[in-house]
C-alpha atoms as a PDB file:
ATOM      1  CA  UNK A   1     -21.926  76.154  68.904  1.00  0.00           C
ATOM      2  CA  UNK A   2     -21.081  74.777  65.479  1.00  0.00           C
ATOM      3  CA  UNK A   3     -23.862  72.210  65.729  1.00  0.00           C
ATOM      4  CA  UNK A   4     -26.375  74.945  66.542  1.00  0.00           C
ATOM      5  CA  UNK A   5     -25.340  76.946  63.462  1.00  0.00           C
ATOM      6  CA  UNK A   6     -25.631  73.895  61.211  1.00  0.00           C
ATOM      7  CA  UNK A   7     -29.087  73.068  62.618  1.00  0.00           C
ATOM      8  CA  UNK A   8     -30.213  76.660  62.026  1.00  0.00           C
ATOM      9  CA  UNK A   9     -28.992  76.616  58.420  1.00  0.00           C
ATOM     10  CA  UNK A  10     -30.719  73.293  57.758  1.00  0.00           C
ATOM     11  CA  UNK A  11     -33.945  74.587  59.278  1.00  0.00           C
ATOM     12  CA  UNK A  12     -33.801  77.719  57.096  1.00  0.00           C
ATOM     13  CA  UNK A  13     -33.092  75.633  53.987  1.00  0.00           C
ATOM     14  CA  UNK A  14     -36.035  73.321  54.589  1.00  0.00           C
ATOM     15  CA  UNK A  15     -38.296  76.297  55.319  1.00  0.00           C
ATOM     16  CA  UNK A  16     -37.276  77.907  52.035  1.00  0.00           C
ATOM     17  CA  UNK A  17     -37.957  74.690  50.136  1.00  0.00           C
ATOM     18  CA  UNK A  18     -41.406  74.348  51.713  1.00  0.00           C
ATOM     19  CA  UNK A  19     -42.263  77.984  50.938  1.00  0.00           C
ATOM     20  CA  UNK A  20     -41.176  77.576  47.308  1.00  0.00           C
ATOM     21  CA  UNK A  21     -43.414  74.549  47.043  1.00  0.00           C
ATOM     22  CA  UNK A  22     -46.410  76.652  48.133  1.00  0.00           C
ATOM     23  CA  UNK A  23     -45.806  79.323  45.480  1.00  0.00           C
ATOM     24  CA  UNK A  24     -48.254  78.843  42.563  1.00  0.00           C
ATOM     25  CA  UNK A  25     -46.476  78.208  39.304  1.00  0.00           C
ATOM     26  CA  UNK A  26     -48.013  78.778  35.898  1.00  0.00           C
ATOM     27  CA  UNK A  27     -46.383  77.111  32.931  1.00  0.00           C
ATOM     28  CA  UNK A  28     -47.439  76.698  29.342  1.00  0.00           C
ATOM     29  CA  UNK A  29     -45.848  74.368  26.863  1.00  0.00           C
ATOM     30  CA  UNK A  30     -44.558  76.301  23.843  1.00  0.00           C
ATOM     31  CA  UNK A  31     -46.004  75.486  20.463  1.00  0.00           C
ATOM     32  CA  UNK A  32     -43.293  73.602  18.587  1.00  0.00           C
ATOM     33  CA  UNK A  33     -45.510  72.585  15.684  1.00  0.00           C
ATOM     34  CA  UNK A  34     -46.260  75.998  14.221  1.00  0.00           C
ATOM     35  CA  UNK A  35     -44.312  75.511  11.002  1.00  0.00           C
ATOM     36  CA  UNK A  36     -45.770  72.067  10.395  1.00  0.00           C
ATOM     37  CA  UNK A  37     -49.304  73.523  10.432  1.00  0.00           C
ATOM     38  CA  UNK A  38     -48.618  75.553   7.274  1.00  0.00           C
ATOM     39  CA  UNK A  39     -49.253  73.750   3.988  1.00  0.00           C
ATOM     40  CA  UNK A  40     -46.718  74.041   1.211  1.00  0.00           C
ATOM     41  CA  UNK A  41     -49.362  75.453  -1.152  1.00  0.00           C
ATOM     42  CA  UNK A  42     -50.114  78.305   1.252  1.00  0.00           C
ATOM     43  CA  UNK A  43     -46.419  79.045   1.670  1.00  0.00           C
ATOM     44  CA  UNK A  44     -45.780  78.854  -2.100  1.00  0.00           C
ATOM     45  CA  UNK A  45     -48.644  81.230  -2.825  1.00  0.00           C
ATOM     46  CA  UNK A  46     -47.226  83.700  -0.321  1.00  0.00           C
ATOM     47  CA  UNK A  47     -43.789  83.555  -1.989  1.00  0.00           C
ATOM     48  CA  UNK A  48     -45.328  84.020  -5.426  1.00  0.00           C
ATOM     49  CA  UNK A  49     -47.414  87.006  -4.334  1.00  0.00           C
ATOM     50  CA  UNK A  50     -44.730  88.823  -2.323  1.00  0.00           C
ATOM     51  CA  UNK A  51     -41.334  87.925  -3.790  1.00  0.00           C
ATOM     52  CA  UNK A  52     -39.798  88.186  -7.231  1.00  0.00           C
ATOM     53  CA  UNK A  53     -40.214  85.263  -9.615  1.00  0.00           C
ATOM     54  CA  UNK A  54     -36.416  85.019  -9.826  1.00  0.00           C
ATOM     55  CA  UNK A  55     -35.900  84.574  -6.078  1.00  0.00           C
ATOM     56  CA  UNK A  56     -33.688  81.586  -5.297  1.00  0.00           C
ATOM     57  CA  UNK A  57     -34.557  78.718  -2.985  1.00  0.00           C
ATOM     58  CA  UNK A  58     -31.611  79.608  -0.747  1.00  0.00           C
ATOM     59  CA  UNK A  59     -32.906  83.172  -0.291  1.00  0.00           C
ATOM     60  CA  UNK A  60     -36.376  81.902   0.597  1.00  0.00           C
ATOM     61  CA  UNK A  61     -34.982  79.427   3.129  1.00  0.00           C
ATOM     62  CA  UNK A  62     -32.759  82.064   4.742  1.00  0.00           C
ATOM     63  CA  UNK A  63     -35.806  84.319   5.087  1.00  0.00           C
ATOM     64  CA  UNK A  64     -37.900  81.505   6.564  1.00  0.00           C
ATOM     65  CA  UNK A  65     -35.230  80.486   9.075  1.00  0.00           C
ATOM     66  CA  UNK A  66     -34.695  84.138  10.009  1.00  0.00           C
ATOM     67  CA  UNK A  67     -38.318  84.214  11.120  1.00  0.00           C
ATOM     68  CA  UNK A  68     -38.349  80.820  12.832  1.00  0.00           C
ATOM     69  CA  UNK A  69     -35.059  81.265  14.736  1.00  0.00           C
ATOM     70  CA  UNK A  70     -35.595  84.786  16.128  1.00  0.00           C
ATOM     71  CA  UNK A  71     -38.601  84.097  18.306  1.00  0.00           C
ATOM     72  CA  UNK A  72     -37.577  86.440  21.139  1.00  0.00           C
ATOM     73  CA  UNK A  73     -37.283  89.452  18.826  1.00  0.00           C
ATOM     74  CA  UNK A  74     -40.608  88.624  17.182  1.00  0.00           C
ATOM     75  CA  UNK A  75     -42.286  88.332  20.580  1.00  0.00           C
ATOM     76  CA  UNK A  76     -41.101  91.897  21.294  1.00  0.00           C
ATOM     77  CA  UNK A  77     -42.442  92.938  17.888  1.00  0.00           C
ATOM     78  CA  UNK A  78     -45.808  91.316  18.558  1.00  0.00           C
ATOM     79  CA  UNK A  79     -46.076  92.888  22.003  1.00  0.00           C
ATOM     80  CA  UNK A  80     -45.781  96.389  20.486  1.00  0.00           C
ATOM     81  CA  UNK A  81     -48.498  95.452  17.997  1.00  0.00           C
ATOM     82  CA  UNK A  82     -50.865  94.818  20.930  1.00  0.00           C
ATOM     83  CA  UNK A  83     -50.618  97.964  23.105  1.00  0.00           C
ATOM     84  CA  UNK A  84     -52.058  98.323  26.575  1.00  0.00           C
ATOM     85  CA  UNK A  85     -53.609 101.432  28.036  1.00  0.00           C
ATOM     86  CA  UNK A  86     -51.308 104.406  27.633  1.00  0.00           C
ATOM     87  CA  UNK A  87     -49.218 102.764  24.900  1.00  0.00           C
ATOM     88  CA  UNK A  88     -49.149 103.489  21.178  1.00  0.00           C
ATOM     89  CA  UNK A  89     -49.530 100.463  18.919  1.00  0.00           C
ATOM     90  CA  UNK A  90     -47.330 100.025  15.861  1.00  0.00           C
ATOM     91  CA  UNK A  91     -47.859  97.729  12.908  1.00  0.00           C
ATOM     92  CA  UNK A  92     -44.264  97.800  11.688  1.00  0.00           C
ATOM     93  CA  UNK A  93     -42.122  98.172  14.786  1.00  0.00           C
ATOM     94  CA  UNK A  94     -38.474  99.044  15.234  1.00  0.00           C
ATOM     95  CA  UNK A  95     -37.875  95.403  16.192  1.00  0.00           C
ATOM     96  CA  UNK A  96     -38.998  94.014  12.848  1.00  0.00           C
ATOM     97  CA  UNK A  97     -37.079  96.779  11.042  1.00  0.00           C
ATOM     98  CA  UNK A  98     -33.920  95.726  12.880  1.00  0.00           C
ATOM     99  CA  UNK A  99     -34.527  92.136  11.793  1.00  0.00           C
ATOM    100  CA  UNK A 100     -35.028  93.313   8.211  1.00  0.00           C
ATOM    101  CA  UNK A 101     -31.723  95.194   8.365  1.00  0.00           C
ATOM    102  CA  UNK A 102     -29.915  92.078   9.616  1.00  0.00           C
ATOM    103  CA  UNK A 103     -31.496  89.966   6.884  1.00  0.00           C
ATOM    104  CA  UNK A 104     -30.504  92.491   4.233  1.00  0.00           C
ATOM    105  CA  UNK A 105     -26.872  92.379   5.355  1.00  0.00           C
ATOM    106  CA  UNK A 106     -26.993  88.578   5.407  1.00  0.00           C
ATOM    107  CA  UNK A 107     -28.405  88.260   1.885  1.00  0.00           C
ATOM    108  CA  UNK A 108     -26.496  91.051   0.200  1.00  0.00           C
ATOM    109  CA  UNK A 109     -27.853  93.637  -2.222  1.00  0.00           C
ATOM    110  CA  UNK A 110     -28.537  91.330  -5.186  1.00  0.00           C
ATOM    111  CA  UNK A 111     -30.454  88.700  -3.221  1.00  0.00           C
ATOM    112  CA  UNK A 112     -32.349  91.351  -1.260  1.00  0.00           C
ATOM    113  CA  UNK A 113     -33.633  92.817  -4.543  1.00  0.00           C
ATOM    114  CA  UNK A 114     -35.225  89.461  -5.365  1.00  0.00           C
ATOM    115  CA  UNK A 115     -37.434  89.751  -2.288  1.00  0.00           C
ATOM    116  CA  UNK A 116     -39.265  92.580  -4.075  1.00  0.00           C
ATOM    117  CA  UNK A 117     -41.439  92.284  -7.142  1.00  0.00           C
ATOM    118  CA  UNK A 118     -40.562  94.338 -10.199  1.00  0.00           C
ATOM    119  CA  UNK A 119     -43.719  96.415  -9.808  1.00  0.00           C
ATOM    120  CA  UNK A 120     -42.543  97.652  -6.397  1.00  0.00           C
ATOM    121  CA  UNK A 121     -39.694  99.642  -8.049  1.00  0.00           C
ATOM    122  CA  UNK A 122     -37.208  98.857  -5.334  1.00  0.00           C
ATOM    123  CA  UNK A 123     -34.408 100.719  -7.120  1.00  0.00           C
ATOM    124  CA  UNK A 124     -36.111 104.046  -6.319  1.00  0.00           C
ATOM    125  CA  UNK A 125     -36.113 103.414  -2.555  1.00  0.00           C
ATOM    126  CA  UNK A 126     -33.530 104.773  -0.156  1.00  0.00           C
ATOM    127  CA  UNK A 127     -32.050 102.655   2.628  1.00  0.00           C
ATOM    128  CA  UNK A 128     -34.727 103.541   5.191  1.00  0.00           C
ATOM    129  CA  UNK A 129     -37.562 102.836   2.747  1.00  0.00           C
ATOM    130  CA  UNK A 130     -35.923  99.562   1.760  1.00  0.00           C
ATOM    131  CA  UNK A 131     -35.786  98.438   5.394  1.00  0.00           C
ATOM    132  CA  UNK A 132     -39.416  99.481   5.803  1.00  0.00           C
ATOM    133  CA  UNK A 133     -40.512  97.498   2.741  1.00  0.00           C
ATOM    134  CA  UNK A 134     -38.574  94.420   3.796  1.00  0.00           C
ATOM    135  CA  UNK A 135     -39.958  94.696   7.330  1.00  0.00           C
ATOM    136  CA  UNK A 136     -43.496  94.679   5.901  1.00  0.00           C
ATOM    137  CA  UNK A 137     -42.752  91.423   4.088  1.00  0.00           C
ATOM    138  CA  UNK A 138     -41.219  89.833   7.184  1.00  0.00           C
ATOM    139  CA  UNK A 139     -44.240  90.832   9.243  1.00  0.00           C
ATOM    140  CA  UNK A 140     -46.537  89.307   6.621  1.00  0.00           C
ATOM    141  CA  UNK A 141     -44.563  86.047   6.723  1.00  0.00           C
ATOM    142  CA  UNK A 142     -44.656  86.157  10.523  1.00  0.00           C
ATOM    143  CA  UNK A 143     -48.440  86.456  10.437  1.00  0.00           C
ATOM    144  CA  UNK A 144     -48.672  83.634   7.899  1.00  0.00           C
ATOM    145  CA  UNK A 145     -46.729  81.248  10.137  1.00  0.00           C
ATOM    146  CA  UNK A 146     -49.103  82.132  12.997  1.00  0.00           C
ATOM    147  CA  UNK A 147     -46.456  82.034  15.729  1.00  0.00           C
ATOM    148  CA  UNK A 148     -47.566  85.214  17.466  1.00  0.00           C
ATOM    149  CA  UNK A 149     -48.093  85.009  21.245  1.00  0.00           C
ATOM    150  CA  UNK A 150     -51.540  86.592  20.693  1.00  0.00           C
ATOM    151  CA  UNK A 151     -54.630  84.960  19.204  1.00  0.00           C
ATOM    152  CA  UNK A 152     -57.378  86.575  17.146  1.00  0.00           C
ATOM    153  CA  UNK A 153     -59.050  87.859  20.333  1.00  0.00           C
ATOM    154  CA  UNK A 154     -55.813  89.633  21.424  1.00  0.00           C
ATOM    155  CA  UNK A 155     -55.400  87.102  24.219  1.00  0.00           C
ATOM    156  CA  UNK A 156     -51.984  85.935  25.308  1.00  0.00           C
ATOM    157  CA  UNK A 157     -51.236  82.320  24.467  1.00  0.00           C
ATOM    158  CA  UNK A 158     -48.153  80.128  25.019  1.00  0.00           C
ATOM    159  CA  UNK A 159     -45.132  81.941  23.616  1.00  0.00           C
ATOM    160  CA  UNK A 160     -43.572  80.260  20.620  1.00  0.00           C
ATOM    161  CA  UNK A 161     -39.943  79.350  21.113  1.00  0.00           C
ATOM    162  CA  UNK A 162     -38.069  78.686  17.910  1.00  0.00           C
ATOM    163  CA  UNK A 163     -37.262  75.018  17.436  1.00  0.00           C
ATOM    164  CA  UNK A 164     -34.917  73.743  14.755  1.00  0.00           C
ATOM    165  CA  UNK A 165     -36.235  70.228  15.299  1.00  0.00           C
ATOM    166  CA  UNK A 166     -39.148  71.047  12.984  1.00  0.00           C
ATOM    167  CA  UNK A 167     -36.853  71.606   9.997  1.00  0.00           C
ATOM    168  CA  UNK A 168     -33.900  69.525  11.088  1.00  0.00           C
ATOM    169  CA  UNK A 169     -32.593  67.210   8.352  1.00  0.00           C
ATOM    170  CA  UNK A 170     -32.590  63.422   8.588  1.00  0.00           C
ATOM    171  CA  UNK A 171     -28.945  62.504   9.138  1.00  0.00           C
ATOM    172  CA  UNK A 172     -27.519  59.285   7.697  1.00  0.00           C
ATOM    173  CA  UNK A 173     -24.030  57.905   8.367  1.00  0.00           C
ATOM    174  CA  UNK A 174     -22.653  56.112   5.303  1.00  0.00           C
ATOM    175  CA  UNK A 175     -19.312  55.331   3.593  1.00  0.00           C
ATOM    176  CA  UNK A 176     -17.374  58.307   2.263  1.00  0.00           C
ATOM    177  CA  UNK A 177     -16.187  56.411  -0.847  1.00  0.00           C
ATOM    178  CA  UNK A 178     -18.629  56.535  -3.754  1.00  0.00           C
ATOM    179  CA  UNK A 179     -17.023  53.560  -5.539  1.00  0.00           C
ATOM    180  CA  UNK A 180     -14.674  50.671  -4.811  1.00  0.00           C
ATOM    181  CA  UNK A 181     -11.086  51.776  -4.254  1.00  0.00           C
ATOM    182  CA  UNK A 182      -9.504  48.433  -5.206  1.00  0.00           C
ATOM    183  CA  UNK A 183      -7.479  48.884  -8.419  1.00  0.00           C
ATOM    184  CA  UNK A 184      -8.711  45.640  -9.989  1.00  0.00           C
ATOM    185  CA  UNK A 185     -12.368  46.669  -9.670  1.00  0.00           C
ATOM    186  CA  UNK A 186     -12.027  49.794 -11.871  1.00  0.00           C
ATOM    187  CA  UNK A 187     -14.232  51.946  -9.656  1.00  0.00           C
ATOM    188  CA  UNK A 188     -17.158  49.529  -9.295  1.00  0.00           C
ATOM    189  CA  UNK A 189     -20.234  50.934  -7.549  1.00  0.00           C
ATOM    190  CA  UNK A 190     -20.994  49.887  -3.988  1.00  0.00           C
ATOM    191  CA  UNK A 191     -24.032  47.861  -2.978  1.00  0.00           C
ATOM    192  CA  UNK A 192     -26.008  48.610   0.165  1.00  0.00           C
ATOM    193  CA  UNK A 193     -25.544  45.588   2.411  1.00  0.00           C
ATOM    194  CA  UNK A 194     -27.966  46.529   5.182  1.00  0.00           C
ATOM    195  CA  UNK A 195     -31.638  45.653   4.854  1.00  0.00           C
ATOM    196  CA  UNK A 196     -34.141  48.279   5.909  1.00  0.00           C
ATOM    197  CA  UNK A 197     -35.290  46.359   8.961  1.00  0.00           C
ATOM    198  CA  UNK A 198     -31.706  45.724  10.082  1.00  0.00           C
ATOM    199  CA  UNK A 199     -30.367  49.277   9.728  1.00  0.00           C
ATOM    200  CA  UNK A 200     -28.805  50.246  13.087  1.00  0.00           C
ATOM    201  CA  UNK A 201     -30.075  53.399  14.784  1.00  0.00           C
ATOM    202  CA  UNK A 202     -27.237  55.172  16.555  1.00  0.00           C
ATOM    203  CA  UNK A 203     -26.600  58.391  18.444  1.00  0.00           C
ATOM    204  CA  UNK A 204     -24.624  60.989  16.489  1.00  0.00           C
ATOM    205  CA  UNK A 205     -22.714  63.859  18.081  1.00  0.00           C
ATOM    206  CA  UNK A 206     -22.347  66.739  15.626  1.00  0.00           C
ATOM    207  CA  UNK A 207     -20.249  69.393  17.268  1.00  0.00           C
ATOM    208  CA  UNK A 208     -22.167  69.943  20.492  1.00  0.00           C
ATOM    209  CA  UNK A 209     -25.533  68.598  19.348  1.00  0.00           C
ATOM    210  CA  UNK A 210     -26.895  65.115  19.964  1.00  0.00           C
ATOM    211  CA  UNK A 211     -28.973  63.450  17.253  1.00  0.00           C
ATOM    212  CA  UNK A 212     -30.786  60.224  18.015  1.00  0.00           C
ATOM    213  CA  UNK A 213     -31.908  57.342  15.830  1.00  0.00           C
ATOM    214  CA  UNK A 214     -29.494  58.181  13.016  1.00  0.00           C
ATOM    215  CA  UNK A 215     -29.336  55.466  10.353  1.00  0.00           C
ATOM    216  CA  UNK A 216     -25.983  53.709   9.922  1.00  0.00           C
ATOM    217  CA  UNK A 217     -25.349  52.243   6.463  1.00  0.00           C
ATOM    218  CA  UNK A 218     -22.557  50.044   5.077  1.00  0.00           C
ATOM    219  CA  UNK A 219     -21.576  49.155   1.507  1.00  0.00           C
ATOM    220  CA  UNK A 220     -19.836  46.317  -0.268  1.00  0.00           C
ATOM    221  CA  UNK A 221     -18.166  45.804  -3.621  1.00  0.00           C
ATOM    222  CA  UNK A 222     -19.848  42.960  -5.504  1.00  0.00           C
ATOM    223  CA  UNK A 223     -16.567  42.002  -7.231  1.00  0.00           C
ATOM    224  CA  UNK A 224     -13.856  41.999  -4.541  1.00  0.00           C
ATOM    225  CA  UNK A 225     -16.290  41.891  -1.565  1.00  0.00           C
ATOM    226  CA  UNK A 226     -14.498  44.683   0.255  1.00  0.00           C
ATOM    227  CA  UNK A 227     -16.808  46.122   2.892  1.00  0.00           C
ATOM    228  CA  UNK A 228     -17.015  49.885   3.273  1.00  0.00           C
ATOM    229  CA  UNK A 229     -17.923  51.429   6.610  1.00  0.00           C
ATOM    230  CA  UNK A 230     -18.115  55.154   7.451  1.00  0.00           C
ATOM    231  CA  UNK A 231     -14.759  55.103   9.265  1.00  0.00           C
ATOM    232  CA  UNK A 232     -12.894  52.102   7.823  1.00  0.00           C
ATOM    233  CA  UNK A 233     -12.759  49.501   5.073  1.00  0.00           C
ATOM    234  CA  UNK A 234     -12.428  45.754   5.491  1.00  0.00           C
ATOM    235  CA  UNK A 235     -10.948  43.583   2.741  1.00  0.00           C
ATOM    236  CA  UNK A 236     -12.365  40.192   1.834  1.00  0.00           C
ATOM    237  CA  UNK A 237     -11.058  37.159   3.715  1.00  0.00           C
ATOM    238  CA  UNK A 238      -8.099  35.432   2.135  1.00  0.00           C
ATOM    239  CA  UNK A 239      -7.450  31.689   1.914  1.00  0.00           C
ATOM    240  CA  UNK A 240      -6.508  31.615   5.596  1.00  0.00           C
ATOM    241  CA  UNK A 241      -9.765  33.280   6.623  1.00  0.00           C
ATOM    242  CA  UNK A 242      -8.111  36.587   7.529  1.00  0.00           C
ATOM    243  CA  UNK A 243      -9.118  40.096   6.497  1.00  0.00           C
ATOM    244  CA  UNK A 244      -7.380  43.455   6.740  1.00  0.00           C
ATOM    245  CA  UNK A 245      -9.033  46.537   8.234  1.00  0.00           C
ATOM    246  CA  UNK A 246      -8.050  49.968   6.883  1.00  0.00           C
ATOM    247  CA  UNK A 247      -8.970  53.028   8.932  1.00  0.00           C
ATOM    248  CA  UNK A 248      -9.740  56.123   6.856  1.00  0.00           C
ATOM    249  CA  UNK A 249      -8.095  59.483   7.449  1.00  0.00           C
ATOM    250  CA  UNK A 250     -10.879  61.265   5.546  1.00  0.00           C
ATOM    251  CA  UNK A 251     -13.704  59.752   7.599  1.00  0.00           C
ATOM    252  CA  UNK A 252     -16.379  62.316   8.480  1.00  0.00           C
ATOM    253  CA  UNK A 253     -17.649  60.391  11.497  1.00  0.00           C
ATOM    254  CA  UNK A 254     -15.835  58.226  14.039  1.00  0.00           C
ATOM    255  CA  UNK A 255     -17.271  55.389  16.093  1.00  0.00           C
ATOM    256  CA  UNK A 256     -16.639  56.243  19.734  1.00  0.00           C
ATOM    257  CA  UNK A 257     -18.998  53.762  21.388  1.00  0.00           C
ATOM    258  CA  UNK A 258     -21.112  50.717  20.759  1.00  0.00           C
ATOM    259  CA  UNK A 259     -23.912  52.840  19.306  1.00  0.00           C
ATOM    260  CA  UNK A 260     -22.362  56.321  19.475  1.00  0.00           C
ATOM    261  CA  UNK A 261     -20.704  58.141  16.573  1.00  0.00           C
ATOM    262  CA  UNK A 262     -19.156  61.605  16.500  1.00  0.00           C
ATOM    263  CA  UNK A 263     -18.048  64.033  13.823  1.00  0.00           C
ATOM    264  CA  UNK A 264     -14.494  65.320  13.515  1.00  0.00           C
ATOM    265  CA  UNK A 265     -15.420  68.653  15.121  1.00  0.00           C
ATOM    266  CA  UNK A 266     -16.208  66.815  18.347  1.00  0.00           C
ATOM    267  CA  UNK A 267     -13.119  64.609  18.215  1.00  0.00           C
ATOM    268  CA  UNK A 268     -10.905  67.622  17.478  1.00  0.00           C
ATOM    269  CA  UNK A 269     -12.473  69.382  20.459  1.00  0.00           C
ATOM    270  CA  UNK A 270     -11.537  66.409  22.631  1.00  0.00           C
ATOM    271  CA  UNK A 271      -7.929  66.616  21.425  1.00  0.00           C
ATOM    272  CA  UNK A 272      -7.683  70.363  22.045  1.00  0.00           C
ATOM    273  CA  UNK A 273      -9.419  70.171  25.414  1.00  0.00           C
ATOM    274  CA  UNK A 274      -7.213  67.409  26.757  1.00  0.00           C
ATOM    275  CA  UNK A 275      -3.972  68.964  25.485  1.00  0.00           C
ATOM    276  CA  UNK A 276      -4.594  72.649  26.142  1.00  0.00           C
ATOM    277  CA  UNK A 277      -6.452  72.306  29.453  1.00  0.00           C
ATOM    278  CA  UNK A 278      -4.636  69.136  30.566  1.00  0.00           C
ATOM    279  CA  UNK A 279      -8.044  67.576  31.166  1.00  0.00           C
ATOM    280  CA  UNK A 280      -8.517  63.881  31.756  1.00  0.00           C
ATOM    281  CA  UNK A 281     -11.069  61.871  29.795  1.00  0.00           C
ATOM    282  CA  UNK A 282     -13.414  61.783  32.795  1.00  0.00           C
ATOM    283  CA  UNK A 283     -13.067  65.547  33.350  1.00  0.00           C
ATOM    284  CA  UNK A 284     -13.833  66.295  29.698  1.00  0.00           C
ATOM    285  CA  UNK A 285     -16.842  63.944  29.774  1.00  0.00           C
ATOM    286  CA  UNK A 286     -18.163  65.681  32.890  1.00  0.00           C
ATOM    287  CA  UNK A 287     -17.632  69.105  31.320  1.00  0.00           C
ATOM    288  CA  UNK A 288     -19.388  68.072  28.094  1.00  0.00           C
ATOM    289  CA  UNK A 289     -22.355  66.501  29.899  1.00  0.00           C
ATOM    290  CA  UNK A 290     -22.842  69.503  32.181  1.00  0.00           C
ATOM    291  CA  UNK A 291     -22.498  71.987  29.310  1.00  0.00           C
ATOM    292  CA  UNK A 292     -24.225  70.330  26.354  1.00  0.00           C
ATOM    293  CA  UNK A 293     -25.981  67.091  27.306  1.00  0.00           C
ATOM    294  CA  UNK A 294     -27.929  68.695  30.161  1.00  0.00           C
ATOM    295  CA  UNK A 295     -29.338  71.439  27.897  1.00  0.00           C
ATOM    296  CA  UNK A 296     -30.735  69.063  25.261  1.00  0.00           C
ATOM    297  CA  UNK A 297     -34.003  67.215  25.639  1.00  0.00           C
ATOM    298  CA  UNK A 298     -32.766  63.820  24.480  1.00  0.00           C
ATOM    299  CA  UNK A 299     -33.033  60.328  25.870  1.00  0.00           C
ATOM    300  CA  UNK A 300     -29.444  59.499  24.971  1.00  0.00           C
ATOM    301  CA  UNK A 301     -27.166  58.537  27.804  1.00  0.00           C
ATOM    302  CA  UNK A 302     -24.478  60.825  29.115  1.00  0.00           C
ATOM    303  CA  UNK A 303     -21.096  60.748  27.466  1.00  0.00           C
ATOM    304  CA  UNK A 304     -18.744  58.366  29.263  1.00  0.00           C
ATOM    305  CA  UNK A 305     -15.032  58.797  29.814  1.00  0.00           C
ATOM    306  CA  UNK A 306     -14.440  55.645  27.730  1.00  0.00           C
ATOM    307  CA  UNK A 307     -16.135  57.259  24.728  1.00  0.00           C
ATOM    308  CA  UNK A 308     -14.103  60.433  25.187  1.00  0.00           C
ATOM    309  CA  UNK A 309     -10.889  58.424  25.369  1.00  0.00           C
ATOM    310  CA  UNK A 310     -11.880  56.462  22.258  1.00  0.00           C
ATOM    311  CA  UNK A 311     -12.477  59.732  20.378  1.00  0.00           C
ATOM    312  CA  UNK A 312      -9.075  60.969  21.582  1.00  0.00           C
ATOM    313  CA  UNK A 313      -7.325  57.841  20.324  1.00  0.00           C
ATOM    314  CA  UNK A 314      -9.158  57.769  16.981  1.00  0.00           C
ATOM    315  CA  UNK A 315      -8.455  61.415  16.197  1.00  0.00           C
ATOM    316  CA  UNK A 316      -4.836  61.189  17.409  1.00  0.00           C
ATOM    317  CA  UNK A 317      -4.074  58.233  15.158  1.00  0.00           C
ATOM    318  CA  UNK A 318      -5.596  59.971  12.150  1.00  0.00           C
ATOM    319  CA  UNK A 319      -3.721  63.194  12.888  1.00  0.00           C
ATOM    320  CA  UNK A 320      -0.411  61.376  13.088  1.00  0.00           C
ATOM    321  CA  UNK A 321      -1.205  59.344   9.961  1.00  0.00           C
END
């Protein structure tokens, strides 16, 4: 009887798999190069024409990232701008007004004022009119970036999904000391000891994000020949050919594998996870891979339990020290 039930379940499972394979699937790759298609001159002219001349770079960047990182809301906004039969189209929708309200709270009153030119007399506007005016500017920037799911012929195209990879910084791991710490050197500057062609490319874990091909740099004092690494310092060899390695408590990044580095947020998370949840190194590695590694489109290998244990040891020693 049990064998019959198992055979029936297996037959149903295979039938479901075969039916799913026959279902037509339509997929479209999202456009992740929208921001890179805009020239700086075009963007600068837009800022000059729409914002105050006293607007700060930080305010402009916050506004830009507000547009690029809220793709789902802007898709809703664009959909209402392209009504179907029986619907009423809106140029400035409630969605873009809500985004303008969130941006205004993020920037504060003083910085929000700098998004308006003096001729617009922003001081005479009430709160609703201010949101309306800011929403108009956000919609104009949205149209400039050309990330709408509709083309000029009102045809649906692949939906843009915000991607921080377009504006992600180039991370570099380097020594934290800006000058030699040996007392006899009187704060001598450090020389870069790695040639361009020999700079190692490593994987960096920042919090829960994996970054690949991060440059790893080392320095050296030209007087005492102490070598400075991101997580430790190595003194010059003495007459017996020995050197002393000093691990740094203020290191920003820790080496947890042959070509894997992690920031202190990650290593602290390992400590807390293993102590508070009584998790083993292998359990934490499995949790991290299933939660974070699997959701990122990277070619880096999964985190191993050895790397987790190394992060645990490194952070523990520094905490105790």
